[in-house]
Amino acid sequence: MNALDHALLTAARTGDTDGVRTAIEGGARVDARDEELRTPLLLAALGDHVEAARLLVAAGADPDAQDRREDSPWLVTGVTGSVAMLHVLLPAGPDLTLRNRFGGIALIPAAERGHVAYVREVLRRTDIDVDHVNRLGWTALLEAVILGDGGRAHQEVVEALLAAGATPGLADGDGVTALAHAERRGFTELVALLRAAA
């Protein structure tokens, strides 16, 4: 790796906007990779360095470049829940069907983690597949129930998913529905939401 590429990766990782600009202007490769195959844009997205990411997108950085863990700049927005980063990356035309190492799309980790604002925004701004099923046999709705805590954030995520057309009766690989999982876990508010949607 040359010094300019290294400088760009370091600047993106730390959110050093001036450093990103200088490296790009100096001829650094906008999609250079570090030892984990992470690009500057992925590093900026992981750190939620929005302005650095904006510069990289303007320079043509790939929102879909995946690293060794199969993370991409777009996919990690579902993990971080950053609405600001979502807005920076959407103009770059990310592949909404790109899958992470679990076979999931960006919506699924966002639902699991209770990132309400992100879930609402990605559903509002894109045609992301609300019923995508990952390798575990789970949709965003199932993950919000199975891996969520049943609290207000996960209730709002479930509401948003149902409003966007999520199929409440889609069962997991064992044939268990989100409603059955919510009943087993004693999530009375989620049970009420899912019953109303059935």
Protein backbone atom coordinates (compact mmCIF):
# COMPACT_ATOMS: atom_id res chain seq x y z
CA MET A 1 0.00 0.00 0.00
CA ASN A 2 1.34 3.43 -0.88
CA ALA A 3 1.59 6.30 1.57
CA LEU A 4 -1.34 8.25 0.10
CA ASP A 5 -3.70 5.27 0.34
CA HIS A 6 -2.55 4.69 3.91
CA ALA A 7 -3.13 8.36 4.74
CA LEU A 8 -6.65 8.20 3.29
CA LEU A 9 -7.54 5.08 5.27
CA THR A 10 -6.22 6.63 8.48
CA ALA A 11 -8.05 9.91 7.89
CA ALA A 12 -11.32 8.11 7.13
CA ARG A 13 -10.98 5.91 10.23
CA THR A 14 -10.44 8.93 12.49
CA GLY A 15 -12.91 11.26 10.79
CA ASP A 16 -10.17 13.68 9.72
CA THR A 17 -12.09 15.48 6.97
CA ASP A 18 -9.16 17.66 5.92
CA GLY A 19 -6.93 14.58 5.77
CA VAL A 20 -9.47 12.79 3.58
CA ARG A 21 -9.69 15.76 1.24
CA THR A 22 -5.90 16.14 1.02
CA ALA A 23 -5.33 12.44 0.33
CA ILE A 24 -8.01 12.33 -2.38
CA GLU A 25 -6.67 15.48 -4.03
CA GLY A 26 -3.18 13.98 -3.83
CA GLY A 27 -4.26 10.92 -5.80
CA ALA A 28 -5.09 8.34 -3.15
CA ARG A 29 -7.29 5.50 -4.40
CA VAL A 30 -10.76 6.22 -3.04
CA ASP A 31 -11.43 2.47 -2.66
CA ALA A 32 -8.05 1.50 -1.21
CA ARG A 33 -8.22 -1.43 1.23
CA ASP A 34 -6.63 -2.04 4.63
CA GLU A 35 -5.49 -5.45 5.91
CA GLU A 36 -9.13 -6.38 6.69
CA LEU A 37 -10.19 -5.28 3.17
CA ARG A 38 -12.02 -2.27 4.59
CA THR A 39 -12.27 0.77 2.31
CA PRO A 40 -12.04 4.38 3.52
CA LEU A 41 -15.82 4.71 3.14
CA LEU A 42 -16.43 1.62 5.28
CA LEU A 43 -14.12 2.97 7.97
CA ALA A 44 -15.90 6.33 7.88
CA ALA A 45 -19.29 4.58 8.11
CA LEU A 46 -18.16 2.42 11.04
CA GLY A 47 -17.08 5.54 12.93
CA ASP A 48 -20.12 7.55 11.79
CA HIS A 49 -17.79 10.17 10.32
CA VAL A 50 -20.45 11.77 8.13
CA GLU A 51 -18.46 14.60 6.55
CA ALA A 52 -15.55 12.31 5.69
CA ALA A 53 -18.03 9.90 4.10
CA ARG A 54 -19.63 12.76 2.15
CA LEU A 55 -16.25 13.61 0.59
CA LEU A 56 -15.59 9.96 -0.27
CA VAL A 57 -19.02 9.51 -1.88
CA ALA A 58 -18.47 12.69 -3.92
CA ALA A 59 -15.15 11.20 -5.07
CA GLY A 60 -16.91 8.03 -6.27
CA ALA A 61 -16.37 5.64 -3.35
CA ASP A 62 -18.26 2.34 -3.60
CA PRO A 63 -21.02 1.99 -0.94
CA ASP A 64 -21.12 -1.78 -1.58
CA ALA A 65 -17.43 -2.72 -1.19
CA GLN A 66 -17.36 -5.60 1.30
CA ASP A 67 -14.54 -6.46 3.68
CA ARG A 68 -13.43 -9.82 5.07
CA ARG A 69 -16.47 -9.89 7.39
CA GLU A 70 -18.77 -9.12 4.43
CA ASP A 71 -19.57 -5.69 5.87
CA SER A 72 -20.03 -2.79 3.46
CA PRO A 73 -20.50 0.94 4.08
CA TRP A 74 -24.23 0.59 3.40
CA LEU A 75 -24.68 -2.59 5.46
CA VAL A 76 -23.03 -1.11 8.56
CA THR A 77 -25.52 1.77 8.63
CA GLY A 78 -28.06 -0.83 9.75
CA VAL A 79 -25.75 -1.79 12.61
CA THR A 80 -24.89 1.78 13.68
CA GLY A 81 -28.40 3.08 13.00
CA SER A 82 -26.99 6.32 11.61
CA VAL A 83 -29.70 8.19 9.71
CA ALA A 84 -27.16 10.86 8.74
CA MET A 85 -24.89 8.22 7.14
CA LEU A 86 -27.91 6.67 5.40
CA HIS A 87 -28.58 10.07 3.79
CA VAL A 88 -24.95 10.43 2.70
CA LEU A 89 -24.83 6.95 1.15
CA LEU A 90 -28.21 6.83 -0.62
CA PRO A 91 -27.10 9.17 -3.47
CA ALA A 92 -24.28 6.67 -4.17
CA GLY A 93 -26.91 4.09 -5.13
CA PRO A 94 -26.16 1.30 -2.64
CA ASP A 95 -27.35 -2.21 -3.46
CA LEU A 96 -30.30 -2.69 -1.09
CA THR A 97 -30.18 -6.46 -1.64
CA LEU A 98 -26.52 -6.80 -0.57
CA ARG A 99 -26.21 -9.37 2.24
CA ASN A 100 -24.02 -9.47 5.33
CA ARG A 101 -22.34 -12.60 6.66
CA PHE A 102 -25.65 -13.69 8.20
CA GLY A 103 -27.43 -13.38 4.86
CA GLY A 104 -29.23 -10.28 6.06
CA ILE A 105 -29.79 -6.84 4.53
CA ALA A 106 -29.27 -3.52 6.34
CA LEU A 107 -32.85 -3.43 7.69
CA ILE A 108 -32.44 -6.59 9.78
CA PRO A 109 -29.68 -5.53 12.22
CA ALA A 110 -31.38 -2.15 12.53
CA ALA A 111 -34.61 -3.86 13.59
CA GLU A 112 -32.77 -6.18 15.97
CA ARG A 113 -31.00 -3.28 17.68
CA GLY A 114 -34.09 -1.09 17.97
CA HIS A 115 -32.82 1.69 15.70
CA VAL A 116 -36.28 3.25 15.30
CA ALA A 117 -35.35 6.38 13.35
CA TYR A 118 -33.17 4.40 10.93
CA VAL A 119 -35.83 1.74 10.34
CA ARG A 120 -38.46 4.39 9.65
CA GLU A 121 -36.18 6.32 7.31
CA VAL A 122 -34.89 3.35 5.30
CA LEU A 123 -38.48 2.16 4.84
CA ARG A 124 -39.60 5.66 3.83
CA ARG A 125 -36.73 6.46 1.47
CA THR A 126 -36.08 3.09 -0.22
CA ASP A 127 -37.88 0.01 -1.51
CA ILE A 128 -35.81 -2.31 0.69
CA ASP A 129 -37.37 -5.78 1.06
CA VAL A 130 -39.23 -5.67 4.37
CA ASP A 131 -39.72 -9.46 4.32
CA HIS A 132 -36.13 -10.46 3.42
CA VAL A 133 -35.18 -13.71 5.17
CA ASN A 134 -31.60 -14.19 6.38
CA ARG A 135 -29.61 -17.42 6.78
CA LEU A 136 -31.07 -17.93 10.26
CA GLY A 137 -34.55 -17.97 8.72
CA TRP A 138 -35.43 -14.61 10.25
CA THR A 139 -36.97 -11.43 8.81
CA ALA A 140 -36.52 -7.96 10.32
CA LEU A 141 -39.84 -8.46 12.13
CA LEU A 142 -38.73 -11.79 13.60
CA GLU A 143 -35.36 -10.35 14.69
CA ALA A 144 -37.05 -7.39 16.40
CA VAL A 145 -39.10 -9.86 18.47
CA ILE A 146 -36.58 -12.67 18.99
CA LEU A 147 -33.49 -10.54 19.72
CA GLY A 148 -35.21 -7.39 20.97
CA ASP A 149 -36.17 -6.64 24.57
CA GLY A 150 -39.87 -5.97 23.96
CA GLY A 151 -39.43 -2.36 25.06
CA ARG A 152 -40.61 0.87 23.46
CA ALA A 153 -37.93 1.00 20.75
CA HIS A 154 -38.67 -2.52 19.53
CA GLN A 155 -42.42 -1.84 19.70
CA GLU A 156 -41.91 1.18 17.41
CA VAL A 157 -39.73 -0.88 15.06
CA VAL A 158 -42.44 -3.55 14.84
CA GLU A 159 -45.07 -0.85 14.20
CA ALA A 160 -42.94 0.64 11.40
CA LEU A 161 -42.29 -2.75 9.80
CA LEU A 162 -45.98 -3.69 9.88
CA ALA A 163 -46.97 -0.29 8.48
CA ALA A 164 -44.48 -0.86 5.64
CA GLY A 165 -46.14 -4.15 4.75
CA ALA A 166 -44.13 -6.73 6.69
CA THR A 167 -45.96 -10.07 6.66
CA PRO A 168 -46.80 -10.79 10.32
CA GLY A 169 -47.39 -14.51 9.76
CA LEU A 170 -44.02 -15.30 8.16
CA ALA A 171 -42.55 -18.01 10.38
CA ASP A 172 -38.89 -18.74 11.15
CA GLY A 173 -37.09 -21.89 10.03
CA ASP A 174 -38.78 -23.84 12.84
CA GLY A 175 -42.25 -22.68 11.80
CA VAL A 176 -42.61 -20.24 14.71
CA THR A 177 -44.18 -16.85 13.94
CA ALA A 178 -43.26 -13.47 15.41
CA LEU A 179 -46.54 -13.56 17.38
CA ALA A 180 -45.69 -16.95 18.89
CA HIS A 181 -42.21 -15.71 19.83
CA ALA A 182 -43.70 -12.57 21.42
CA GLU A 183 -46.18 -14.71 23.40
CA ARG A 184 -43.39 -17.05 24.59
CA ARG A 185 -41.30 -14.09 25.75
CA GLY A 186 -44.20 -12.35 27.49
CA PHE A 187 -44.00 -9.22 25.31
CA THR A 188 -47.64 -8.18 25.78
CA GLU A 189 -47.39 -4.95 23.76
CA LEU A 190 -45.81 -6.77 20.81
CA VAL A 191 -48.41 -9.52 21.08
CA ALA A 192 -51.17 -6.89 20.79
CA LEU A 193 -49.48 -5.24 17.77
CA LEU A 194 -48.97 -8.54 15.97
CA ARG A 195 -52.49 -9.80 16.73
CA ALA A 196 -53.95 -6.59 15.34
CA ALA A 197 -51.90 -7.04 12.15
CA ALA A 198 -52.74 -10.73 11.66
